[in-house]
Amino acid sequence: MEQLTSWVFTIVESSGMFAPVLFIGMHLLRPLFFMPVAFICISGGILFGMVSGTIYSVIGITLSSLFFYRFLVYMPKTFKRLIRLKGKILGEKRQISKGQIFLLRLMPFIHFHLLSLCILEISRNYKEYFKLSFLSNVPLAVVYTTFGQWIASLSPIIMAAAVIVILPMIYLLRQKEIVVSWEEFFRKDHQVSQGSPSMNRVS
């Protein structure tokens, strides 16, 4: 995890004018490395400051949400598996409200795309999904980017100490995000719960 963190900072810092593009790209690649969204947003605050870091993170997080949406369109079986797993984690008939989603977005141990799935369930169409995703991503980006800028304003020694303390926490949060085993995810579906939305909603 520490090597990955150093790699992220080194690549982005040495990219010059392309740094914002690479940073946004890190948001899109984040799921492949099981990196918490909070970590990327904090990095944005350290590298770009609060305003620019927030803008880049909102763009990156929202693009990630939209890619997730399109992914489900082309992978209906995966959509059904996610619905089943969401039912096991949150309850078969539990539907989270918009306000609850906005608050849960701020909690780093809640899986990002699990909440994207909840947004999908309460959205009537693509436009509403985009709107709710964007609105729920803004507070997340602002809070953690501001925290990153605060870390950057500390003296080098204190900043290094803060990073050393935060890294183990990020690793633990990453572990908590991986709540489903591969065996469970790829196990054959028997039936999707009756309250689950159809794929017509995401097509």
C-alpha atoms as a PDB file:
ATOM      1  CA  MET A   1       0.000   0.000   0.000  1.00  0.00           C
ATOM      2  CA  GLU A   2       2.821   2.412   0.871  1.00  0.00           C
ATOM      3  CA  GLN A   3       4.569   1.661  -2.433  1.00  0.00           C
ATOM      4  CA  LEU A   4       1.332   2.258  -4.316  1.00  0.00           C
ATOM      5  CA  THR A   5       0.865   5.569  -2.483  1.00  0.00           C
ATOM      6  CA  SER A   6       4.386   6.710  -3.360  1.00  0.00           C
ATOM      7  CA  TRP A   7       3.821   5.666  -6.968  1.00  0.00           C
ATOM      8  CA  VAL A   8       0.612   7.725  -7.205  1.00  0.00           C
ATOM      9  CA  PHE A   9       2.271  10.860  -5.828  1.00  0.00           C
ATOM     10  CA  THR A  10       5.398  10.455  -7.958  1.00  0.00           C
ATOM     11  CA  ILE A  11       3.507   9.924 -11.212  1.00  0.00           C
ATOM     12  CA  VAL A  12       1.088  12.809 -10.691  1.00  0.00           C
ATOM     13  CA  GLU A  13       3.698  15.274  -9.391  1.00  0.00           C
ATOM     14  CA  SER A  14       6.029  14.625 -12.342  1.00  0.00           C
ATOM     15  CA  SER A  15       3.328  14.913 -14.999  1.00  0.00           C
ATOM     16  CA  GLY A  16       3.302  18.709 -15.293  1.00  0.00           C
ATOM     17  CA  MET A  17       0.335  20.025 -17.250  1.00  0.00           C
ATOM     18  CA  PHE A  18      -1.055  16.490 -17.608  1.00  0.00           C
ATOM     19  CA  ALA A  19      -1.225  15.994 -13.835  1.00  0.00           C
ATOM     20  CA  PRO A  20      -4.979  16.811 -13.599  1.00  0.00           C
ATOM     21  CA  VAL A  21      -5.776  14.310 -16.366  1.00  0.00           C
ATOM     22  CA  LEU A  22      -3.727  11.573 -14.695  1.00  0.00           C
ATOM     23  CA  PHE A  23      -5.303  12.370 -11.339  1.00  0.00           C
ATOM     24  CA  ILE A  24      -8.801  12.035 -12.794  1.00  0.00           C
ATOM     25  CA  GLY A  25      -7.636   8.791 -14.394  1.00  0.00           C
ATOM     26  CA  MET A  26      -6.621   7.529 -10.944  1.00  0.00           C
ATOM     27  CA  HIS A  27     -10.248   7.874  -9.866  1.00  0.00           C
ATOM     28  CA  LEU A  28     -11.254   5.631 -12.768  1.00  0.00           C
ATOM     29  CA  LEU A  29      -8.538   3.049 -12.052  1.00  0.00           C
ATOM     30  CA  ARG A  30      -9.121   3.128  -8.289  1.00  0.00           C
ATOM     31  CA  PRO A  31     -11.419   0.048  -8.168  1.00  0.00           C
ATOM     32  CA  LEU A  32      -8.715  -2.100  -9.786  1.00  0.00           C
ATOM     33  CA  PHE A  33      -6.365  -1.378  -6.871  1.00  0.00           C
ATOM     34  CA  PHE A  34      -9.110  -1.453  -4.178  1.00  0.00           C
ATOM     35  CA  MET A  35      -8.152   2.082  -3.150  1.00  0.00           C
ATOM     36  CA  PRO A  36     -10.704   4.032  -1.072  1.00  0.00           C
ATOM     37  CA  VAL A  37     -12.178   7.143  -2.684  1.00  0.00           C
ATOM     38  CA  ALA A  38     -11.161   9.118   0.413  1.00  0.00           C
ATOM     39  CA  PHE A  39      -7.482   8.381  -0.255  1.00  0.00           C
ATOM     40  CA  ILE A  40      -7.632   9.771  -3.812  1.00  0.00           C
ATOM     41  CA  CYS A  41      -9.503  12.888  -2.653  1.00  0.00           C
ATOM     42  CA  ILE A  42      -7.013  13.520   0.163  1.00  0.00           C
ATOM     43  CA  SER A  43      -4.202  13.141  -2.377  1.00  0.00           C
ATOM     44  CA  GLY A  44      -5.926  15.751  -4.551  1.00  0.00           C
ATOM     45  CA  GLY A  45      -5.941  18.216  -1.668  1.00  0.00           C
ATOM     46  CA  ILE A  46      -2.223  17.674  -1.075  1.00  0.00           C
ATOM     47  CA  LEU A  47      -1.278  17.916  -4.763  1.00  0.00           C
ATOM     48  CA  PHE A  48      -3.629  20.606  -6.098  1.00  0.00           C
ATOM     49  CA  GLY A  49      -5.151  22.465  -3.145  1.00  0.00           C
ATOM     50  CA  MET A  50      -8.782  22.586  -2.076  1.00  0.00           C
ATOM     51  CA  VAL A  51     -10.436  24.277  -5.072  1.00  0.00           C
ATOM     52  CA  SER A  52      -8.656  22.537  -7.954  1.00  0.00           C
ATOM     53  CA  GLY A  53      -8.448  19.237  -6.064  1.00  0.00           C
ATOM     54  CA  THR A  54     -12.183  19.296  -5.374  1.00  0.00           C
ATOM     55  CA  ILE A  55     -13.028  20.037  -9.013  1.00  0.00           C
ATOM     56  CA  TYR A  56     -10.782  17.246 -10.305  1.00  0.00           C
ATOM     57  CA  SER A  57     -12.137  14.780  -7.741  1.00  0.00           C
ATOM     58  CA  VAL A  58     -15.771  15.610  -8.520  1.00  0.00           C
ATOM     59  CA  ILE A  59     -15.057  15.027 -12.221  1.00  0.00           C
ATOM     60  CA  GLY A  60     -13.207  11.772 -11.534  1.00  0.00           C
ATOM     61  CA  ILE A  61     -15.736  10.378  -9.054  1.00  0.00           C
ATOM     62  CA  THR A  62     -18.684  11.272 -11.279  1.00  0.00           C
ATOM     63  CA  LEU A  63     -17.042   9.666 -14.320  1.00  0.00           C
ATOM     64  CA  SER A  64     -16.451   6.558 -12.217  1.00  0.00           C
ATOM     65  CA  SER A  65     -20.161   6.515 -11.314  1.00  0.00           C
ATOM     66  CA  LEU A  66     -21.153   6.849 -14.971  1.00  0.00           C
ATOM     67  CA  PHE A  67     -18.766   4.076 -16.040  1.00  0.00           C
ATOM     68  CA  PHE A  68     -20.350   1.874 -13.384  1.00  0.00           C
ATOM     69  CA  TYR A  69     -23.775   2.621 -14.870  1.00  0.00           C
ATOM     70  CA  ARG A  70     -22.692   1.777 -18.409  1.00  0.00           C
ATOM     71  CA  PHE A  71     -20.890  -1.343 -17.184  1.00  0.00           C
ATOM     72  CA  LEU A  72     -24.149  -2.686 -15.764  1.00  0.00           C
ATOM     73  CA  VAL A  73     -25.904  -2.097 -19.093  1.00  0.00           C
ATOM     74  CA  TYR A  74     -23.497  -4.459 -20.846  1.00  0.00           C
ATOM     75  CA  MET A  75     -23.190  -6.917 -17.943  1.00  0.00           C
ATOM     76  CA  PRO A  76     -26.767  -7.765 -16.845  1.00  0.00           C
ATOM     77  CA  LYS A  77     -25.654 -10.913 -15.000  1.00  0.00           C
ATOM     78  CA  THR A  78     -23.250  -8.848 -12.926  1.00  0.00           C
ATOM     79  CA  PHE A  79     -26.094  -6.439 -12.201  1.00  0.00           C
ATOM     80  CA  LYS A  80     -28.181  -9.314 -10.831  1.00  0.00           C
ATOM     81  CA  ARG A  81     -25.303 -10.541  -8.678  1.00  0.00           C
ATOM     82  CA  LEU A  82     -24.788  -7.054  -7.254  1.00  0.00           C
ATOM     83  CA  ILE A  83     -28.494  -6.752  -6.449  1.00  0.00           C
ATOM     84  CA  ARG A  84     -28.355 -10.080  -4.615  1.00  0.00           C
ATOM     85  CA  LEU A  85     -25.249  -9.068  -2.671  1.00  0.00           C
ATOM     86  CA  LYS A  86     -26.703  -5.662  -1.873  1.00  0.00           C
ATOM     87  CA  GLY A  87     -29.741  -7.440  -0.433  1.00  0.00           C
ATOM     88  CA  LYS A  88     -27.504  -9.561   1.801  1.00  0.00           C
ATOM     89  CA  ILE A  89     -25.574  -6.547   3.062  1.00  0.00           C
ATOM     90  CA  LEU A  90     -28.384  -4.000   3.505  1.00  0.00           C
ATOM     91  CA  GLY A  91     -31.449  -6.246   3.609  1.00  0.00           C
ATOM     92  CA  GLU A  92     -33.612  -7.708   0.878  1.00  0.00           C
ATOM     93  CA  LYS A  93     -36.282  -4.990   0.914  1.00  0.00           C
ATOM     94  CA  ARG A  94     -34.247  -2.124   2.334  1.00  0.00           C
ATOM     95  CA  GLN A  95     -34.184   0.979   0.132  1.00  0.00           C
ATOM     96  CA  ILE A  96     -31.966   3.865   1.176  1.00  0.00           C
ATOM     97  CA  SER A  97     -33.237   7.437   0.803  1.00  0.00           C
ATOM     98  CA  LYS A  98     -31.388  10.216  -1.023  1.00  0.00           C
ATOM     99  CA  GLY A  99     -30.432  11.920   2.239  1.00  0.00           C
ATOM    100  CA  GLN A 100     -29.039   8.692   3.663  1.00  0.00           C
ATOM    101  CA  ILE A 101     -26.957   8.133   0.519  1.00  0.00           C
ATOM    102  CA  PHE A 102     -25.485  11.640   0.782  1.00  0.00           C
ATOM    103  CA  LEU A 103     -24.452  10.961   4.390  1.00  0.00           C
ATOM    104  CA  LEU A 104     -23.144   7.455   3.704  1.00  0.00           C
ATOM    105  CA  ARG A 105     -20.962   8.821   0.893  1.00  0.00           C
ATOM    106  CA  LEU A 106     -18.931  10.626   3.572  1.00  0.00           C
ATOM    107  CA  MET A 107     -18.164   7.396   5.426  1.00  0.00           C
ATOM    108  CA  PRO A 108     -14.931   5.903   4.030  1.00  0.00           C
ATOM    109  CA  PHE A 109     -15.742   2.299   5.011  1.00  0.00           C
ATOM    110  CA  ILE A 110     -18.935   2.187   2.900  1.00  0.00           C
ATOM    111  CA  HIS A 111     -18.231   0.702  -0.528  1.00  0.00           C
ATOM    112  CA  PHE A 112     -18.545   3.434  -3.164  1.00  0.00           C
ATOM    113  CA  HIS A 113     -20.279   1.392  -5.857  1.00  0.00           C
ATOM    114  CA  LEU A 114     -22.657  -0.212  -3.378  1.00  0.00           C
ATOM    115  CA  LEU A 115     -24.062   3.290  -2.900  1.00  0.00           C
ATOM    116  CA  SER A 116     -24.003   3.809  -6.675  1.00  0.00           C
ATOM    117  CA  LEU A 117     -26.225   0.741  -6.908  1.00  0.00           C
ATOM    118  CA  CYS A 118     -28.566   2.255  -4.304  1.00  0.00           C
ATOM    119  CA  ILE A 119     -28.727   5.459  -6.373  1.00  0.00           C
ATOM    120  CA  LEU A 120     -29.549   3.380  -9.435  1.00  0.00           C
ATOM    121  CA  GLU A 121     -32.437   1.712  -7.606  1.00  0.00           C
ATOM    122  CA  ILE A 122     -34.105   5.019  -6.717  1.00  0.00           C
ATOM    123  CA  SER A 123     -33.416   6.685 -10.086  1.00  0.00           C
ATOM    124  CA  ARG A 124     -36.080   6.665 -12.780  1.00  0.00           C
ATOM    125  CA  ASN A 125     -33.648   7.178 -15.654  1.00  0.00           C
ATOM    126  CA  TYR A 126     -30.052   7.938 -16.624  1.00  0.00           C
ATOM    127  CA  LYS A 127     -30.493  11.694 -16.155  1.00  0.00           C
ATOM    128  CA  GLU A 128     -31.697  11.299 -12.577  1.00  0.00           C
ATOM    129  CA  TYR A 129     -28.910   8.816 -11.821  1.00  0.00           C
ATOM    130  CA  PHE A 130     -26.338  11.319 -13.106  1.00  0.00           C
ATOM    131  CA  LYS A 131     -27.868  14.140 -11.059  1.00  0.00           C
ATOM    132  CA  LEU A 132     -27.987  12.169  -7.801  1.00  0.00           C
ATOM    133  CA  SER A 133     -24.488  10.786  -8.336  1.00  0.00           C
ATOM    134  CA  PHE A 134     -23.080  14.262  -8.946  1.00  0.00           C
ATOM    135  CA  LEU A 135     -24.843  15.806  -5.934  1.00  0.00           C
ATOM    136  CA  SER A 136     -23.727  13.010  -3.601  1.00  0.00           C
ATOM    137  CA  ASN A 137     -20.139  13.170  -4.873  1.00  0.00           C
ATOM    138  CA  VAL A 138     -19.638  16.900  -4.224  1.00  0.00           C
ATOM    139  CA  PRO A 139     -19.700  16.758  -0.373  1.00  0.00           C
ATOM    140  CA  LEU A 140     -17.416  13.707  -0.452  1.00  0.00           C
ATOM    141  CA  ALA A 141     -14.854  15.514  -2.615  1.00  0.00           C
ATOM    142  CA  VAL A 142     -15.031  18.758  -0.612  1.00  0.00           C
ATOM    143  CA  VAL A 143     -14.566  17.134   2.812  1.00  0.00           C
ATOM    144  CA  TYR A 144     -11.622  14.885   1.979  1.00  0.00           C
ATOM    145  CA  THR A 145      -9.892  17.343  -0.368  1.00  0.00           C
ATOM    146  CA  THR A 146     -10.049  19.990   2.363  1.00  0.00           C
ATOM    147  CA  PHE A 147      -8.478  17.497   4.752  1.00  0.00           C
ATOM    148  CA  GLY A 148      -5.729  16.856   2.204  1.00  0.00           C
ATOM    149  CA  GLN A 149      -5.004  20.574   1.856  1.00  0.00           C
ATOM    150  CA  TRP A 150      -4.794  20.854   5.648  1.00  0.00           C
ATOM    151  CA  ILE A 151      -2.180  18.083   5.693  1.00  0.00           C
ATOM    152  CA  ALA A 152      -0.219  19.891   2.954  1.00  0.00           C
ATOM    153  CA  SER A 153      -0.150  23.083   5.049  1.00  0.00           C
ATOM    154  CA  LEU A 154       1.687  21.364   7.916  1.00  0.00           C
ATOM    155  CA  SER A 155       5.437  21.387   8.368  1.00  0.00           C
ATOM    156  CA  PRO A 156       7.267  18.601   6.470  1.00  0.00           C
ATOM    157  CA  ILE A 157       7.918  16.627   9.670  1.00  0.00           C
ATOM    158  CA  ILE A 158       4.322  16.825  10.900  1.00  0.00           C
ATOM    159  CA  MET A 159       3.033  16.129   7.391  1.00  0.00           C
ATOM    160  CA  ALA A 160       5.198  12.999   7.151  1.00  0.00           C
ATOM    161  CA  ALA A 161       3.972  11.866  10.579  1.00  0.00           C
ATOM    162  CA  ALA A 162       0.345  12.451   9.543  1.00  0.00           C
ATOM    163  CA  VAL A 163       0.825  10.423   6.358  1.00  0.00           C
ATOM    164  CA  ILE A 164       2.446   7.581   8.331  1.00  0.00           C
ATOM    165  CA  VAL A 165      -0.555   7.513  10.681  1.00  0.00           C
ATOM    166  CA  ILE A 166      -3.124   7.756   7.879  1.00  0.00           C
ATOM    167  CA  LEU A 167      -1.669   5.021   5.641  1.00  0.00           C
ATOM    168  CA  PRO A 168      -2.483   2.113   8.005  1.00  0.00           C
ATOM    169  CA  MET A 169      -5.990   3.531   8.422  1.00  0.00           C
ATOM    170  CA  ILE A 170      -6.419   3.648   4.640  1.00  0.00           C
ATOM    171  CA  TYR A 171      -5.245   0.039   4.395  1.00  0.00           C
ATOM    172  CA  LEU A 172      -7.773  -1.070   7.025  1.00  0.00           C
ATOM    173  CA  LEU A 173     -10.537   0.851   5.274  1.00  0.00           C
ATOM    174  CA  ARG A 174      -9.574  -0.804   2.016  1.00  0.00           C
ATOM    175  CA  GLN A 175      -9.878  -4.186   3.716  1.00  0.00           C
ATOM    176  CA  LYS A 176     -13.322  -3.277   5.058  1.00  0.00           C
ATOM    177  CA  GLU A 177     -14.485  -2.280   1.589  1.00  0.00           C
ATOM    178  CA  ILE A 178     -13.769  -5.793   0.271  1.00  0.00           C
ATOM    179  CA  VAL A 179     -16.734  -7.305   2.062  1.00  0.00           C
ATOM    180  CA  VAL A 180     -17.560 -10.045  -0.448  1.00  0.00           C
ATOM    181  CA  SER A 181     -15.376 -12.998  -1.349  1.00  0.00           C
ATOM    182  CA  TRP A 182     -14.724 -13.853  -4.991  1.00  0.00           C
ATOM    183  CA  GLU A 183     -16.381 -17.244  -4.469  1.00  0.00           C
ATOM    184  CA  GLU A 184     -19.540 -15.564  -3.224  1.00  0.00           C
ATOM    185  CA  PHE A 185     -19.603 -13.039  -6.061  1.00  0.00           C
ATOM    186  CA  PHE A 186     -19.152 -15.583  -8.829  1.00  0.00           C
ATOM    187  CA  ARG A 187     -21.503 -18.142  -7.327  1.00  0.00           C
ATOM    188  CA  LYS A 188     -24.363 -18.862  -9.722  1.00  0.00           C
ATOM    189  CA  ASP A 189     -27.487 -16.823  -9.156  1.00  0.00           C
ATOM    190  CA  HIS A 190     -30.599 -18.773  -8.336  1.00  0.00           C
ATOM    191  CA  GLN A 191     -33.023 -15.913  -8.318  1.00  0.00           C
ATOM    192  CA  VAL A 192     -32.964 -12.137  -7.992  1.00  0.00           C
ATOM    193  CA  SER A 193     -35.128 -10.759  -5.199  1.00  0.00           C
ATOM    194  CA  GLN A 194     -38.596  -9.617  -6.240  1.00  0.00           C
ATOM    195  CA  GLY A 195     -38.004  -6.024  -5.170  1.00  0.00           C
ATOM    196  CA  SER A 196     -34.991  -5.629  -7.446  1.00  0.00           C
ATOM    197  CA  PRO A 197     -35.200  -3.222 -10.373  1.00  0.00           C
ATOM    198  CA  SER A 198     -35.151  -4.678 -13.865  1.00  0.00           C
ATOM    199  CA  MET A 199     -32.388  -3.999 -16.336  1.00  0.00           C
ATOM    200  CA  ASN A 200     -34.812  -1.774 -18.237  1.00  0.00           C
ATOM    201  CA  ARG A 201     -33.967   0.883 -15.722  1.00  0.00           C
ATOM    202  CA  VAL A 202     -30.333   1.010 -16.738  1.00  0.00           C
ATOM    203  CA  SER A 203     -30.787   0.506 -20.452  1.00  0.00           C
END
